[in-house]
């Protein structure tokens, strides 16, 4: 009797498995936590992702975006790792500093392990810039090595703070920090008011999104570009790579370690412990969004670059960063410390 029923049972299981995948997120709401203030480049990017993500998730769930700034996205990373449900209904967009920060900063140990976070993908590999604005005497990086200036910065853990410290120690810039701004949107207003001369560690795409007229009308001076490989657009504009100002060979590997976070410039994560099958659904959906023709058209119109990196590759890059030699890590920490 059982032998006769076995084929029917197997057939039912085969049918049930795809059905479960098909309705995995049906009737559910996914909360996308953005680890920055509203209005900045990371927030703009994440909200575009959220618009298209339901297209590619089984059951087409609702995506709700909320902002949880703090500690350079460390607060959002802690929430995802410690509090958020592990069923695929909680994901986050982080600044890359939240991933590399625990390795390079001597603060209290965070309540999350960057290596154990589940990476769904990265929307872009970004180039960062150091800038000045308006009537400042600092028009070039060579000026910054001779003339004192003030740069806006966020709280500890943000690139706007780390990269000013880096250029002071590794490249001889005479730039002082004016810290405490909540995010890039607030720093842009401070630059316009003349409170500071500019900002370092700013994502090049974010500048083009937030103040396209500054670029179009040459209102801003781009002093240097930060990346492992030169950005073609910035190079065509005559912006020098930071490498040409770093004279001490011993500092180049530590600087490379700091800049390696830009390979995953816009990382998206899920909680550790999320079921592998659910992780695959989320990773596949992110991958599909980042090649969706409507998304790409909207991104191009908004001057949002898309250079995706898969979740598997981001996971591998993070693991390799955390395996860096102790001496390189030690010097990198010294370069970005206040």
Protein backbone atom coordinates (compact mmCIF):
# COMPACT_ATOMS: atom_id res chain seq x y z
CA UNK A 1 0.00 0.00 0.00
CA UNK A 2 2.73 2.43 1.04
CA UNK A 3 4.74 1.61 -2.11
CA UNK A 4 1.74 2.63 -4.22
CA UNK A 5 1.35 5.95 -2.33
CA UNK A 6 5.05 6.87 -2.41
CA UNK A 7 5.05 8.38 -5.92
CA UNK A 8 2.06 10.53 -4.98
CA UNK A 9 3.80 11.77 -1.82
CA UNK A 10 6.97 12.63 -3.74
CA UNK A 11 4.95 14.49 -6.35
CA UNK A 12 3.21 16.48 -3.61
CA UNK A 13 6.55 17.45 -2.08
CA UNK A 14 7.90 18.58 -5.46
CA UNK A 15 4.82 20.75 -5.99
CA UNK A 16 4.89 22.14 -2.43
CA UNK A 17 8.51 23.34 -2.55
CA UNK A 18 8.05 25.83 -5.42
CA UNK A 19 4.72 26.93 -3.93
CA UNK A 20 6.45 27.85 -0.68
CA UNK A 21 9.08 29.87 -2.55
CA UNK A 22 6.38 31.55 -4.62
CA UNK A 23 4.56 32.86 -1.54
CA UNK A 24 7.59 33.37 0.73
CA UNK A 25 6.82 37.09 1.22
CA UNK A 26 3.12 37.17 0.31
CA UNK A 27 1.22 39.58 2.55
CA UNK A 28 4.42 40.55 4.40
CA UNK A 29 6.14 43.88 4.96
CA UNK A 30 9.92 44.16 4.74
CA UNK A 31 11.50 46.93 6.78
CA UNK A 32 14.53 48.51 5.12
CA UNK A 33 16.55 50.39 7.75
CA UNK A 34 18.84 53.09 6.35
CA UNK A 35 21.77 53.83 8.63
CA UNK A 36 21.94 57.53 7.73
CA UNK A 37 19.81 60.65 8.01
CA UNK A 38 17.17 61.35 5.34
CA UNK A 39 18.16 63.30 2.24
CA UNK A 40 21.75 62.14 1.77
CA UNK A 41 23.15 59.98 -0.99
CA UNK A 42 22.75 56.70 0.91
CA UNK A 43 19.12 57.47 1.71
CA UNK A 44 18.31 58.43 -1.90
CA UNK A 45 19.93 55.23 -3.20
CA UNK A 46 18.18 52.97 -0.67
CA UNK A 47 14.74 54.42 -1.42
CA UNK A 48 15.25 53.72 -5.12
CA UNK A 49 16.20 50.11 -4.30
CA UNK A 50 13.09 49.80 -2.11
CA UNK A 51 10.88 50.99 -4.98
CA UNK A 52 11.92 48.14 -7.28
CA UNK A 53 12.71 45.31 -4.86
CA UNK A 54 9.12 44.00 -4.54
CA UNK A 55 9.11 43.23 -8.29
CA UNK A 56 11.63 40.44 -7.75
CA UNK A 57 10.63 38.97 -4.40
CA UNK A 58 8.13 36.11 -4.38
CA UNK A 59 4.79 37.34 -3.06
CA UNK A 60 5.67 40.98 -3.88
CA UNK A 61 5.88 42.31 -0.31
CA UNK A 62 5.56 45.92 0.78
CA UNK A 63 8.88 47.65 1.53
CA UNK A 64 8.88 50.26 4.29
CA UNK A 65 11.96 52.48 4.64
CA UNK A 66 13.00 53.95 7.97
CA UNK A 67 16.10 55.92 8.94
CA UNK A 68 18.27 54.96 11.91
CA UNK A 69 21.37 57.18 11.85
CA UNK A 70 24.11 56.94 14.45
CA UNK A 71 27.71 55.76 14.84
CA UNK A 72 28.36 55.83 11.10
CA UNK A 73 25.50 53.31 10.52
CA UNK A 74 26.72 51.22 13.46
CA UNK A 75 23.40 51.75 15.23
CA UNK A 76 21.52 50.26 12.28
CA UNK A 77 23.98 47.35 12.04
CA UNK A 78 23.48 46.62 15.76
CA UNK A 79 19.71 46.68 15.35
CA UNK A 80 19.85 44.23 12.44
CA UNK A 81 22.27 41.90 14.23
CA UNK A 82 20.67 41.96 17.68
CA UNK A 83 16.99 42.93 17.45
CA UNK A 84 15.55 42.53 13.96
CA UNK A 85 13.65 39.36 12.98
CA UNK A 86 15.70 36.77 11.11
CA UNK A 87 13.00 35.78 8.64
CA UNK A 88 13.86 38.07 5.72
CA UNK A 89 11.52 40.88 6.78
CA UNK A 90 14.33 43.09 8.10
CA UNK A 91 17.22 44.35 5.98
CA UNK A 92 19.45 47.40 6.13
CA UNK A 93 21.50 49.79 4.04
CA UNK A 94 24.79 50.67 5.73
CA UNK A 95 27.63 53.05 5.17
CA UNK A 96 30.74 50.94 4.50
CA UNK A 97 32.37 52.46 7.57
CA UNK A 98 30.02 50.38 9.71
CA UNK A 99 31.59 47.30 8.14
CA UNK A 100 35.24 48.26 8.39
CA UNK A 101 34.99 50.52 11.46
CA UNK A 102 35.17 47.76 14.09
CA UNK A 103 38.51 46.70 12.61
CA UNK A 104 40.03 50.19 12.47
CA UNK A 105 38.59 52.05 15.44
CA UNK A 106 39.54 51.72 19.08
CA UNK A 107 36.06 52.34 20.40
CA UNK A 108 34.06 49.93 22.52
CA UNK A 109 33.56 46.65 20.71
CA UNK A 110 30.30 46.84 18.74
CA UNK A 111 27.41 44.49 19.37
CA UNK A 112 27.74 42.98 15.91
CA UNK A 113 30.42 41.11 13.99
CA UNK A 114 30.85 42.53 10.46
CA UNK A 115 32.11 39.18 9.18
CA UNK A 116 28.91 37.45 10.37
CA UNK A 117 26.47 39.96 8.88
CA UNK A 118 24.72 38.53 5.82
CA UNK A 119 25.56 40.65 2.76
CA UNK A 120 22.88 40.82 0.09
CA UNK A 121 24.93 42.90 -2.33
CA UNK A 122 26.33 46.36 -2.95
CA UNK A 123 24.86 48.89 -5.32
CA UNK A 124 28.08 50.65 -6.21
CA UNK A 125 31.84 50.75 -5.84
CA UNK A 126 32.35 54.39 -4.99
CA UNK A 127 35.13 56.91 -5.38
CA UNK A 128 35.36 59.47 -2.60
CA UNK A 129 36.59 63.03 -2.87
CA UNK A 130 38.00 65.88 -0.83
CA UNK A 131 36.44 69.24 -1.68
CA UNK A 132 36.49 72.96 -1.00
CA UNK A 133 33.91 75.57 -1.91
CA UNK A 134 33.36 79.25 -2.56
CA UNK A 135 35.93 81.89 -1.68
CA UNK A 136 38.23 79.60 0.27
CA UNK A 137 41.96 79.99 -0.30
CA UNK A 138 42.20 76.21 -0.74
CA UNK A 139 41.69 75.56 -4.44
CA UNK A 140 43.94 72.49 -4.83
CA UNK A 141 45.32 69.75 -2.61
CA UNK A 142 48.72 71.45 -2.81
CA UNK A 143 47.02 74.50 -1.23
CA UNK A 144 45.65 72.26 1.52
CA UNK A 145 49.24 71.24 2.33
CA UNK A 146 50.17 74.90 2.84
CA UNK A 147 47.01 76.74 3.98
CA UNK A 148 44.95 75.91 7.05
CA UNK A 149 41.32 75.04 6.44
CA UNK A 150 38.22 73.67 8.15
CA UNK A 151 36.36 70.59 7.00
CA UNK A 152 32.88 69.55 8.07
CA UNK A 153 32.60 66.09 9.62
CA UNK A 154 30.08 63.78 11.20
CA UNK A 155 30.43 61.84 14.42
CA UNK A 156 33.15 59.24 14.86
CA UNK A 157 32.92 56.39 12.39
CA UNK A 158 31.97 58.47 9.36
CA UNK A 159 34.17 58.84 6.29
CA UNK A 160 33.97 62.65 6.49
CA UNK A 161 35.91 62.40 9.74
CA UNK A 162 38.23 59.50 8.94
CA UNK A 163 39.41 60.86 5.59
CA UNK A 164 40.35 64.29 6.99
CA UNK A 165 42.48 62.57 9.61
CA UNK A 166 43.97 60.35 6.91
CA UNK A 167 45.03 63.25 4.63
CA UNK A 168 46.46 65.16 7.58
CA UNK A 169 48.67 62.27 8.70
CA UNK A 170 49.49 60.52 5.43
CA UNK A 171 49.53 63.48 3.02
CA UNK A 172 50.43 66.52 5.12
CA UNK A 173 47.15 68.45 4.70
CA UNK A 174 46.55 71.32 7.13
CA UNK A 175 42.86 70.62 7.56
CA UNK A 176 41.03 70.82 10.87
CA UNK A 177 37.86 68.96 11.75
CA UNK A 178 34.62 70.73 12.57
CA UNK A 179 32.69 67.68 13.73
CA UNK A 180 29.19 66.97 14.96
CA UNK A 181 27.10 67.35 11.82
CA UNK A 182 24.43 64.66 11.41
CA UNK A 183 25.15 63.80 7.81
CA UNK A 184 26.19 65.03 4.39
CA UNK A 185 22.96 66.99 3.83
CA UNK A 186 23.64 69.05 6.97
CA UNK A 187 27.30 69.48 6.03
CA UNK A 188 26.32 70.80 2.59
CA UNK A 189 24.30 73.56 4.28
CA UNK A 190 27.27 74.34 6.56
CA UNK A 191 29.49 74.68 3.48
CA UNK A 192 26.99 77.05 1.86
CA UNK A 193 26.82 79.14 5.05
CA UNK A 194 30.62 79.42 5.13
CA UNK A 195 30.97 77.58 8.45
CA UNK A 196 33.52 75.24 6.86
CA UNK A 197 35.66 75.26 3.73
CA UNK A 198 34.47 71.89 2.44
CA UNK A 199 34.22 68.18 3.11
CA UNK A 200 36.44 65.11 2.64
CA UNK A 201 35.39 61.48 2.32
CA UNK A 202 32.34 62.58 0.30
CA UNK A 203 31.07 60.09 -2.25
CA UNK A 204 31.47 61.53 -5.74
CA UNK A 205 27.99 60.26 -6.76
CA UNK A 206 26.45 61.90 -3.68
CA UNK A 207 27.84 65.31 -4.62
CA UNK A 208 26.34 64.98 -8.09
CA UNK A 209 22.97 63.99 -6.60
CA UNK A 210 22.83 66.59 -3.84
CA UNK A 211 24.34 69.63 -5.58
CA UNK A 212 24.53 69.03 -9.36
CA UNK A 213 24.78 72.80 -9.95
CA UNK A 214 28.02 72.92 -7.94
CA UNK A 215 29.56 70.52 -10.44
CA UNK A 216 27.91 72.01 -13.52
CA UNK A 217 28.84 75.60 -12.65
CA UNK A 218 32.31 74.80 -11.23
CA UNK A 219 31.36 76.17 -7.82
CA UNK A 220 33.30 73.45 -6.04
CA UNK A 221 36.97 72.51 -6.05
CA UNK A 222 37.65 68.77 -6.04
CA UNK A 223 41.05 68.54 -4.38
CA UNK A 224 41.73 64.80 -4.63
CA UNK A 225 40.05 61.49 -5.35
CA UNK A 226 40.19 58.44 -3.07
CA UNK A 227 39.96 55.01 -4.70
CA UNK A 228 42.05 51.94 -5.38
CA UNK A 229 41.86 52.74 -9.10
CA UNK A 230 41.36 56.26 -10.57
CA UNK A 231 37.83 57.24 -11.54
CA UNK A 232 37.76 58.02 -15.29
CA UNK A 233 35.35 60.94 -14.97
CA UNK A 234 37.32 62.61 -12.18
CA UNK A 235 40.59 61.94 -13.97
CA UNK A 236 39.19 63.64 -17.08
CA UNK A 237 38.39 66.64 -14.88
CA UNK A 238 42.03 66.76 -13.76
CA UNK A 239 41.41 65.57 -10.18
CA UNK A 240 44.58 63.92 -8.82
CA UNK A 241 44.50 60.61 -6.94
CA UNK A 242 45.44 60.85 -3.29
CA UNK A 243 48.29 58.40 -3.91
CA UNK A 244 50.49 61.07 -5.47
CA UNK A 245 50.52 63.01 -2.20
CA UNK A 246 51.48 60.05 0.02
CA UNK A 247 55.26 60.05 0.14
CA UNK A 248 55.88 57.43 2.83
CA UNK A 249 55.82 53.99 1.17
CA UNK A 250 55.02 52.38 4.54
CA UNK A 251 51.69 54.25 4.63
CA UNK A 252 50.43 53.02 1.26
CA UNK A 253 49.22 49.58 2.37
CA UNK A 254 47.38 51.04 5.41
CA UNK A 255 45.75 53.68 3.19
CA UNK A 256 44.77 50.93 0.76
CA UNK A 257 43.12 49.06 3.65
CA UNK A 258 41.07 52.15 4.58
CA UNK A 259 40.02 52.71 0.96
CA UNK A 260 39.11 49.05 0.41
CA UNK A 261 35.73 49.68 2.04
CA UNK A 262 34.78 51.63 -1.10
CA UNK A 263 34.73 48.40 -3.12
CA UNK A 264 31.36 47.77 -1.42
CA UNK A 265 30.29 51.40 -1.41
CA UNK A 266 26.59 50.80 -0.73
CA UNK A 267 26.20 47.49 1.16
CA UNK A 268 22.85 45.92 2.04
CA UNK A 269 22.58 43.34 4.81
CA UNK A 270 20.28 40.87 6.52
CA UNK A 271 20.62 39.51 10.08
CA UNK A 272 22.98 36.64 10.91
CA UNK A 273 20.87 33.50 11.18
CA UNK A 274 18.55 34.33 8.29
CA UNK A 275 17.69 30.98 6.61
CA UNK A 276 19.94 30.27 3.60
CA UNK A 277 16.95 29.81 1.26
CA UNK A 278 15.61 33.23 2.25
CA UNK A 279 19.06 34.79 1.85
CA UNK A 280 19.21 33.42 -1.70
CA UNK A 281 15.82 34.94 -2.53
CA UNK A 282 16.94 38.34 -1.20
CA UNK A 283 20.32 38.19 -2.96
CA UNK A 284 18.73 37.19 -6.25
CA UNK A 285 16.17 40.01 -5.95
CA UNK A 286 18.89 42.62 -5.29
CA UNK A 287 20.81 41.35 -8.29
CA UNK A 288 17.72 41.66 -10.50
CA UNK A 289 16.91 45.19 -9.28
CA UNK A 290 20.40 46.41 -10.13
CA UNK A 291 19.96 45.35 -13.76
CA UNK A 292 16.28 46.29 -14.10
CA UNK A 293 15.93 48.60 -17.13
CA UNK A 294 13.46 50.92 -15.36
CA UNK A 295 15.69 51.16 -12.30
CA UNK A 296 18.75 51.86 -14.45
CA UNK A 297 16.91 54.54 -16.42
CA UNK A 298 15.79 56.26 -13.22
CA UNK A 299 19.27 55.94 -11.74
CA UNK A 300 20.84 57.51 -14.83
CA UNK A 301 18.38 60.41 -14.70
CA UNK A 302 19.21 60.96 -11.02
CA UNK A 303 22.96 60.59 -11.73
CA UNK A 304 23.13 57.56 -9.47
CA UNK A 305 25.90 55.18 -10.59
CA UNK A 306 25.29 51.45 -10.53
CA UNK A 307 28.30 49.14 -10.31
CA UNK A 308 26.88 46.14 -8.45
CA UNK A 309 28.76 43.58 -6.43
CA UNK A 310 27.02 40.36 -5.46
CA UNK A 311 26.34 39.46 -1.86
CA UNK A 312 28.67 36.46 -2.11
CA UNK A 313 31.52 38.68 -3.33
CA UNK A 314 30.92 41.32 -0.65
CA UNK A 315 30.98 38.58 1.98
CA UNK A 316 34.35 37.41 0.61
CA UNK A 317 35.86 40.92 0.48
CA UNK A 318 34.85 41.61 4.10
CA UNK A 319 36.39 38.33 5.25
CA UNK A 320 39.67 39.16 3.47
CA UNK A 321 39.77 42.68 4.95
CA UNK A 322 39.44 41.23 8.44
CA UNK A 323 42.34 38.88 7.70
CA UNK A 324 44.75 41.82 7.05
CA UNK A 325 48.20 41.73 8.73
CA UNK A 326 48.16 43.25 12.25
CA UNK A 327 50.90 45.81 11.44
CA UNK A 328 48.88 47.18 8.50
CA UNK A 329 45.73 47.35 10.61
CA UNK A 330 47.62 49.14 13.42
CA UNK A 331 48.94 51.87 11.11
CA UNK A 332 45.57 52.27 9.36
CA UNK A 333 43.97 52.83 12.76
CA UNK A 334 46.57 55.48 13.57
CA UNK A 335 45.93 57.31 10.29
CA UNK A 336 42.19 57.77 10.81
CA UNK A 337 42.23 58.35 14.58
CA UNK A 338 41.50 61.83 15.96
